[in-house]
Amino acid sequence: MDLCQIIEETLRRPPVPYNPTQQTLKGWVMFCLRNRGFKVTSTPKYDFEIETRDRKVSFNVTENPAQVDDSTGWIVRNPVDGDVSVIQPKA
C-alpha cells in the first residue's frame, strides 16, 4: 500500500471527527496523521510535510478542488459528505 492510500484510509476513519468550529482542516489532518504515527512537520511553502524513512512528501489541504494543482500532494475534503481523497504529488 502506498503512502497516499494509507493517508486516505487514516482520514476516512479518523480518531476524532472533523469539526470546523473547533479546529482548522489543516490542524485536524495533522492531528489525525500524528495520532496514527506519521511524522508530520510544518513547512513554509506547503501546509505540511510527511517524513518517511527515505523521503519527505509535501501536502496542502483544501475543501475546494479547484485549488488543486500539481505542485504538491493534496488532501481534499468534500464539505458536503466529508469524503476525503488524497492526490499524489507528481514528482
Protein backbone atom coordinates (compact mmCIF):
# COMPACT_ATOMS: atom_id res chain seq x y z
CA MET A 1 0.00 0.00 0.00
CA ASP A 2 1.46 3.39 -0.91
CA LEU A 3 1.64 6.47 1.30
CA CYS A 4 -1.36 8.23 -0.25
CA GLN A 5 -3.60 5.19 0.23
CA ILE A 6 -2.57 4.93 3.87
CA ILE A 7 -3.26 8.63 4.46
CA GLU A 8 -6.65 8.36 2.75
CA GLU A 9 -7.62 5.34 4.83
CA THR A 10 -6.49 7.12 8.02
CA LEU A 11 -8.65 10.17 7.25
CA ARG A 12 -11.68 8.09 6.30
CA ARG A 13 -11.60 6.57 9.80
CA PRO A 14 -10.24 9.44 11.88
CA PRO A 15 -9.66 9.26 15.64
CA VAL A 16 -11.95 12.31 16.01
CA PRO A 17 -14.49 13.69 13.51
CA TYR A 18 -13.73 16.98 11.80
CA ASN A 19 -15.47 19.91 13.49
CA PRO A 20 -14.77 23.25 11.77
CA THR A 21 -15.88 25.21 14.84
CA GLN A 22 -13.12 23.61 16.93
CA GLN A 23 -10.19 23.32 14.52
CA THR A 24 -8.95 24.13 11.04
CA LEU A 25 -8.93 21.48 8.35
CA LYS A 26 -5.14 21.60 8.29
CA GLY A 27 -4.96 21.19 12.08
CA TRP A 28 -7.39 18.27 12.01
CA VAL A 29 -5.48 16.47 9.24
CA MET A 30 -2.16 16.97 11.03
CA PHE A 31 -3.66 15.72 14.32
CA CYS A 32 -5.14 12.62 12.68
CA LEU A 33 -1.87 11.73 10.95
CA ARG A 34 0.26 12.30 14.06
CA ASN A 35 -2.22 10.25 16.09
CA ARG A 36 -1.57 7.32 13.74
CA GLY A 37 2.21 7.62 13.99
CA PHE A 38 3.10 9.74 10.98
CA LYS A 39 5.98 12.20 11.38
CA VAL A 40 4.34 15.47 10.31
CA THR A 41 6.32 18.72 10.20
CA SER A 42 5.40 22.26 9.25
CA THR A 43 6.95 23.85 6.19
CA PRO A 44 6.74 27.45 4.97
CA LYS A 45 5.93 26.63 1.35
CA TYR A 46 3.22 23.97 1.91
CA ASP A 47 0.77 23.13 4.68
CA PHE A 48 3.00 20.31 5.99
CA GLU A 49 5.41 17.52 5.11
CA ILE A 50 5.26 13.86 5.99
CA GLU A 51 8.62 12.23 6.59
CA THR A 52 9.11 8.59 5.69
CA ARG A 53 12.30 6.58 6.01
CA ASP A 54 13.57 7.60 2.60
CA ARG A 55 11.87 10.89 1.68
CA LYS A 56 9.76 13.89 2.62
CA VAL A 57 6.41 14.39 0.89
CA SER A 58 4.74 17.82 0.90
CA PHE A 59 0.98 18.29 1.10
CA ASN A 60 -1.61 21.05 1.08
CA VAL A 61 -5.18 20.62 2.32
CA THR A 62 -8.38 22.10 0.93
CA GLU A 63 -12.12 21.72 0.63
CA ASN A 64 -12.06 23.38 -2.79
CA PRO A 65 -10.99 21.00 -5.59
CA ALA A 66 -10.44 23.99 -7.90
CA GLN A 67 -7.34 24.91 -5.84
CA VAL A 68 -5.57 21.65 -6.64
CA ASP A 69 -2.50 21.87 -8.86
CA ASP A 70 0.43 19.55 -9.50
CA SER A 71 3.00 21.46 -7.42
CA THR A 72 2.50 19.20 -4.40
CA GLY A 73 0.34 16.45 -2.97
CA TRP A 74 -3.17 17.40 -1.91
CA ILE A 75 -5.65 16.23 0.69
CA VAL A 76 -9.10 17.24 -0.49
CA ARG A 77 -12.13 17.01 1.79
CA ASN A 78 -15.62 17.23 0.34
CA PRO A 79 -17.51 19.57 2.71
CA VAL A 80 -20.89 18.06 1.74
CA ASP A 81 -20.31 14.41 2.61
CA GLY A 82 -16.97 14.55 4.47
CA ASP A 83 -15.27 12.20 1.99
CA VAL A 84 -11.51 12.64 1.79
CA SER A 85 -9.29 11.99 -1.22
CA VAL A 86 -5.51 12.20 -1.45
CA ILE A 87 -3.83 13.31 -4.65
CA GLN A 88 -0.29 12.11 -5.01
CA PRO A 89 2.43 14.64 -5.84
CA LYS A 90 3.73 14.42 -9.42
CA ALA A 91 7.41 14.44 -8.50
